[in-house]
């Protein structure tokens, strides 16, 4: 969703780099959840 917004808003790379985005993004959350399917959850770090 963020990528679509960036494209539709015509943001420059400088604007994207300067934009504040709270961690944990949706994509990172999906990646961590997917990783939990193939990795022992007790072995994942807090930030996976």
PDB file of N, CA and C in Angstrom:
ATOM      1  N   UNK A   1       0.817  -1.186   0.000  1.00  0.00           N
ATOM      2  CA  UNK A   1       0.000   0.000   0.000  1.00  0.00           C
ATOM      3  C   UNK A   1       0.865   1.256   0.000  1.00  0.00           C
ATOM      4  N   UNK A   2       1.946   1.226   0.760  1.00  0.00           N
ATOM      5  CA  UNK A   2       2.812   2.406   0.816  1.00  0.00           C
ATOM      6  C   UNK A   2       3.444   2.676  -0.536  1.00  0.00           C
ATOM      7  N   UNK A   3       3.833   1.615  -1.235  1.00  0.00           N
ATOM      8  CA  UNK A   3       4.431   1.776  -2.557  1.00  0.00           C
ATOM      9  C   UNK A   3       3.472   2.408  -3.538  1.00  0.00           C
ATOM     10  N   UNK A   4       2.212   2.010  -3.473  1.00  0.00           N
ATOM     11  CA  UNK A   4       1.190   2.581  -4.355  1.00  0.00           C
ATOM     12  C   UNK A   4       1.014   4.060  -4.037  1.00  0.00           C
ATOM     13  N   UNK A   5       0.956   4.399  -2.759  1.00  0.00           N
ATOM     14  CA  UNK A   5       0.821   5.800  -2.367  1.00  0.00           C
ATOM     15  C   UNK A   5       2.000   6.619  -2.885  1.00  0.00           C
ATOM     16  N   UNK A   6       3.211   6.088  -2.727  1.00  0.00           N
ATOM     17  CA  UNK A   6       4.412   6.794  -3.176  1.00  0.00           C
ATOM     18  C   UNK A   6       4.335   7.086  -4.666  1.00  0.00           C
ATOM     19  N   UNK A   7       3.936   6.089  -5.451  1.00  0.00           N
ATOM     20  CA  UNK A   7       3.831   6.276  -6.900  1.00  0.00           C
ATOM     21  C   UNK A   7       2.734   7.268  -7.257  1.00  0.00           C
ATOM     22  N   UNK A   8       1.563   7.125  -6.645  1.00  0.00           N
ATOM     23  CA  UNK A   8       0.442   8.015  -6.968  1.00  0.00           C
ATOM     24  C   UNK A   8       0.715   9.453  -6.545  1.00  0.00           C
ATOM     25  N   UNK A   9       1.461   9.628  -5.457  1.00  0.00           N
ATOM     26  CA  UNK A   9       1.774  10.976  -4.984  1.00  0.00           C
ATOM     27  C   UNK A   9       2.933  11.594  -5.752  1.00  0.00           C
ATOM     28  N   UNK A  10       3.604  10.790  -6.574  1.00  0.00           N
ATOM     29  CA  UNK A  10       4.731  11.308  -7.342  1.00  0.00           C
ATOM     30  C   UNK A  10       5.902  11.713  -6.471  1.00  0.00           C
ATOM     31  N   UNK A  11       6.088  11.017  -5.365  1.00  0.00           N
ATOM     32  CA  UNK A  11       7.156  11.363  -4.430  1.00  0.00           C
ATOM     33  C   UNK A  11       8.527  11.077  -5.036  1.00  0.00           C
ATOM     34  N   UNK A  12       9.484  11.925  -4.694  1.00  0.00           N
ATOM     35  CA  UNK A  12      10.865  11.709  -5.122  1.00  0.00           C
ATOM     36  C   UNK A  12      11.538  10.751  -4.145  1.00  0.00           C
ATOM     37  N   UNK A  13      12.707  10.236  -4.547  1.00  0.00           N
ATOM     38  CA  UNK A  13      13.426   9.352  -3.634  1.00  0.00           C
ATOM     39  C   UNK A  13      13.833  10.092  -2.365  1.00  0.00           C
ATOM     40  N   UNK A  14      14.131  11.378  -2.476  1.00  0.00           N
ATOM     41  CA  UNK A  14      14.483  12.171  -1.294  1.00  0.00           C
ATOM     42  C   UNK A  14      13.296  12.287  -0.348  1.00  0.00           C
ATOM     43  N   UNK A  15      12.106  12.488  -0.898  1.00  0.00           N
ATOM     44  CA  UNK A  15      10.912  12.578  -0.061  1.00  0.00           C
ATOM     45  C   UNK A  15      10.625  11.248   0.629  1.00  0.00           C
ATOM     46  N   UNK A  16      10.805  10.160  -0.102  1.00  0.00           N
ATOM     47  CA  UNK A  16      10.573   8.838   0.490  1.00  0.00           C
ATOM     48  C   UNK A  16      11.590   8.589   1.599  1.00  0.00           C
ATOM     49  N   UNK A  17      12.859   8.927   1.341  1.00  0.00           N
ATOM     50  CA  UNK A  17      13.909   8.717   2.338  1.00  0.00           C
ATOM     51  C   UNK A  17      13.684   9.554   3.589  1.00  0.00           C
ATOM     52  N   UNK A  18      13.110  10.741   3.420  1.00  0.00           N
ATOM     53  CA  UNK A  18      12.887  11.635   4.554  1.00  0.00           C
ATOM     54  C   UNK A  18      11.592  11.340   5.301  1.00  0.00           C
ATOM     55  N   UNK A  19      10.739  10.530   4.715  1.00  0.00           N
ATOM     56  CA  UNK A  19       9.442  10.243   5.335  1.00  0.00           C
ATOM     57  C   UNK A  19       9.630   9.375   6.570  1.00  0.00           C
ATOM     58  N   UNK A  20       8.898   9.718   7.623  1.00  0.00           N
ATOM     59  CA  UNK A  20       8.948   8.925   8.851  1.00  0.00           C
ATOM     60  C   UNK A  20       7.954   7.793   8.727  1.00  0.00           C
ATOM     61  N   UNK A  21       8.400   6.601   9.039  1.00  0.00           N
ATOM     62  CA  UNK A  21       7.515   5.441   8.998  1.00  0.00           C
ATOM     63  C   UNK A  21       7.749   4.624  10.254  1.00  0.00           C
ATOM     64  N   UNK A  22       6.702   4.405  11.031  1.00  0.00           N
ATOM     65  CA  UNK A  22       6.902   3.641  12.270  1.00  0.00           C
ATOM     66  C   UNK A  22       7.244   2.191  11.962  1.00  0.00           C
ATOM     67  N   UNK A  23       8.176   1.636  12.706  1.00  0.00           N
ATOM     68  CA  UNK A  23       8.450   0.214  12.613  1.00  0.00           C
ATOM     69  C   UNK A  23       7.340  -0.441  13.407  1.00  0.00           C
ATOM     70  N   UNK A  24       6.779  -1.259  12.986  1.00  0.00           N
ATOM     71  CA  UNK A  24       6.778  -2.387  12.127  1.00  0.00           C
ATOM     72  C   UNK A  24       5.819  -2.113  10.963  1.00  0.00           C
ATOM     73  N   UNK A  25       6.329  -2.111   9.765  1.00  0.00           N
ATOM     74  CA  UNK A  25       5.457  -1.878   8.625  1.00  0.00           C
ATOM     75  C   UNK A  25       4.652  -3.129   8.330  1.00  0.00           C
ATOM     76  N   UNK A  26       3.601  -2.982   7.564  1.00  0.00           N
ATOM     77  CA  UNK A  26       2.761  -4.122   7.202  1.00  0.00           C
ATOM     78  C   UNK A  26       3.587  -5.201   6.515  1.00  0.00           C
ATOM     79  N   UNK A  27       4.448  -4.801   5.587  1.00  0.00           N
ATOM     80  CA  UNK A  27       5.259  -5.783   4.861  1.00  0.00           C
ATOM     81  C   UNK A  27       6.189  -6.535   5.802  1.00  0.00           C
ATOM     82  N   UNK A  28       6.787  -5.830   6.755  1.00  0.00           N
ATOM     83  CA  UNK A  28       7.676  -6.497   7.703  1.00  0.00           C
ATOM     84  C   UNK A  28       6.897  -7.443   8.607  1.00  0.00           C
ATOM     85  N   UNK A  29       5.706  -7.043   8.989  1.00  0.00           N
ATOM     86  CA  UNK A  29       4.860  -7.919   9.800  1.00  0.00           C
ATOM     87  C   UNK A  29       4.488  -9.186   9.060  1.00  0.00           C
ATOM     88  N   UNK A  30       4.171  -9.057   7.785  1.00  0.00           N
ATOM     89  CA  UNK A  30       3.836 -10.227   6.962  1.00  0.00           C
ATOM     90  C   UNK A  30       5.056 -11.127   6.821  1.00  0.00           C
ATOM     91  N   UNK A  31       6.226 -10.529   6.607  1.00  0.00           N
ATOM     92  CA  UNK A  31       7.454 -11.318   6.466  1.00  0.00           C
ATOM     93  C   UNK A  31       7.755 -12.094   7.747  1.00  0.00           C
ATOM     94  N   UNK A  32       7.635 -11.443   8.890  1.00  0.00           N
ATOM     95  CA  UNK A  32       7.904 -12.104  10.162  1.00  0.00           C
ATOM     96  C   UNK A  32       6.903 -13.230  10.399  1.00  0.00           C
ATOM     97  N   UNK A  33       5.635 -12.980  10.089  1.00  0.00           N
ATOM     98  CA  UNK A  33       4.620 -14.024  10.252  1.00  0.00           C
ATOM     99  C   UNK A  33       4.903 -15.207   9.337  1.00  0.00           C
ATOM    100  N   UNK A  34       5.300 -14.932   8.101  1.00  0.00           N
ATOM    101  CA  UNK A  34       5.605 -16.012   7.161  1.00  0.00           C
ATOM    102  C   UNK A  34       6.828 -16.797   7.626  1.00  0.00           C
ATOM    103  N   UNK A  35       7.812 -16.097   8.150  1.00  0.00           N
ATOM    104  CA  UNK A  35       9.025 -16.751   8.631  1.00  0.00           C
ATOM    105  C   UNK A  35       8.709 -17.700   9.789  1.00  0.00           C
ATOM    106  N   UNK A  36       7.712 -17.362  10.585  1.00  0.00           N
ATOM    107  CA  UNK A  36       7.337 -18.192  11.726  1.00  0.00           C
ATOM    108  C   UNK A  36       6.800 -19.554  11.298  1.00  0.00           C
ATOM    109  N   UNK A  37       6.348 -19.677  10.058  1.00  0.00           N
ATOM    110  CA  UNK A  37       5.849 -20.958   9.568  1.00  0.00           C
ATOM    111  C   UNK A  37       6.981 -21.947   9.324  1.00  0.00           C
ATOM    112  N   UNK A  38       8.196 -21.457   9.066  1.00  0.00           N
ATOM    113  CA  UNK A  38       9.309 -22.346   8.731  1.00  0.00           C
ATOM    114  C   UNK A  38      10.449 -22.286   9.739  1.00  0.00           C
ATOM    115  N   UNK A  39      10.295 -21.491  10.776  1.00  0.00           N
ATOM    116  CA  UNK A  39      11.347 -21.318  11.773  1.00  0.00           C
ATOM    117  C   UNK A  39      10.750 -21.514  13.157  1.00  0.00           C
ATOM    118  N   UNK A  40      11.517 -22.156  14.032  1.00  0.00           N
ATOM    119  CA  UNK A  40      11.086 -22.290  15.423  1.00  0.00           C
ATOM    120  C   UNK A  40      10.958 -20.883  16.000  1.00  0.00           C
ATOM    121  N   UNK A  41       9.778 -20.535  16.458  1.00  0.00           N
ATOM    122  CA  UNK A  41       9.512 -19.175  16.936  1.00  0.00           C
ATOM    123  C   UNK A  41      10.467 -18.794  18.065  1.00  0.00           C
ATOM    124  N   UNK A  42      10.857 -19.748  18.887  1.00  0.00           N
ATOM    125  CA  UNK A  42      11.775 -19.436  19.988  1.00  0.00           C
ATOM    126  C   UNK A  42      13.162 -19.046  19.480  1.00  0.00           C
ATOM    127  N   UNK A  43      13.464 -19.355  18.221  1.00  0.00           N
ATOM    128  CA  UNK A  43      14.756 -18.998  17.639  1.00  0.00           C
ATOM    129  C   UNK A  43      14.730 -17.656  16.910  1.00  0.00           C
ATOM    130  N   UNK A  44      13.556 -17.062  16.742  1.00  0.00           N
ATOM    131  CA  UNK A  44      13.457 -15.764  16.078  1.00  0.00           C
ATOM    132  C   UNK A  44      13.842 -14.663  17.056  1.00  0.00           C
ATOM    133  N   UNK A  45      14.530 -13.652  16.555  1.00  0.00           N
ATOM    134  CA  UNK A  45      14.838 -12.511  17.408  1.00  0.00           C
ATOM    135  C   UNK A  45      13.579 -11.660  17.538  1.00  0.00           C
ATOM    136  N   UNK A  46      13.642 -10.681  18.388  1.00  0.00           N
ATOM    137  CA  UNK A  46      12.482  -9.804  18.560  1.00  0.00           C
ATOM    138  C   UNK A  46      12.155  -9.068  17.270  1.00  0.00           C
ATOM    139  N   UNK A  47      13.163  -8.869  16.429  1.00  0.00           N
ATOM    140  CA  UNK A  47      12.976  -8.142  15.176  1.00  0.00           C
ATOM    141  C   UNK A  47      12.999  -9.061  13.963  1.00  0.00           C
ATOM    142  N   UNK A  48      13.148 -10.354  14.176  1.00  0.00           N
ATOM    143  CA  UNK A  48      13.182 -11.392  13.138  1.00  0.00           C
ATOM    144  C   UNK A  48      13.969 -10.925  11.955  1.00  0.00           C
TER     145      UNK A  48
END
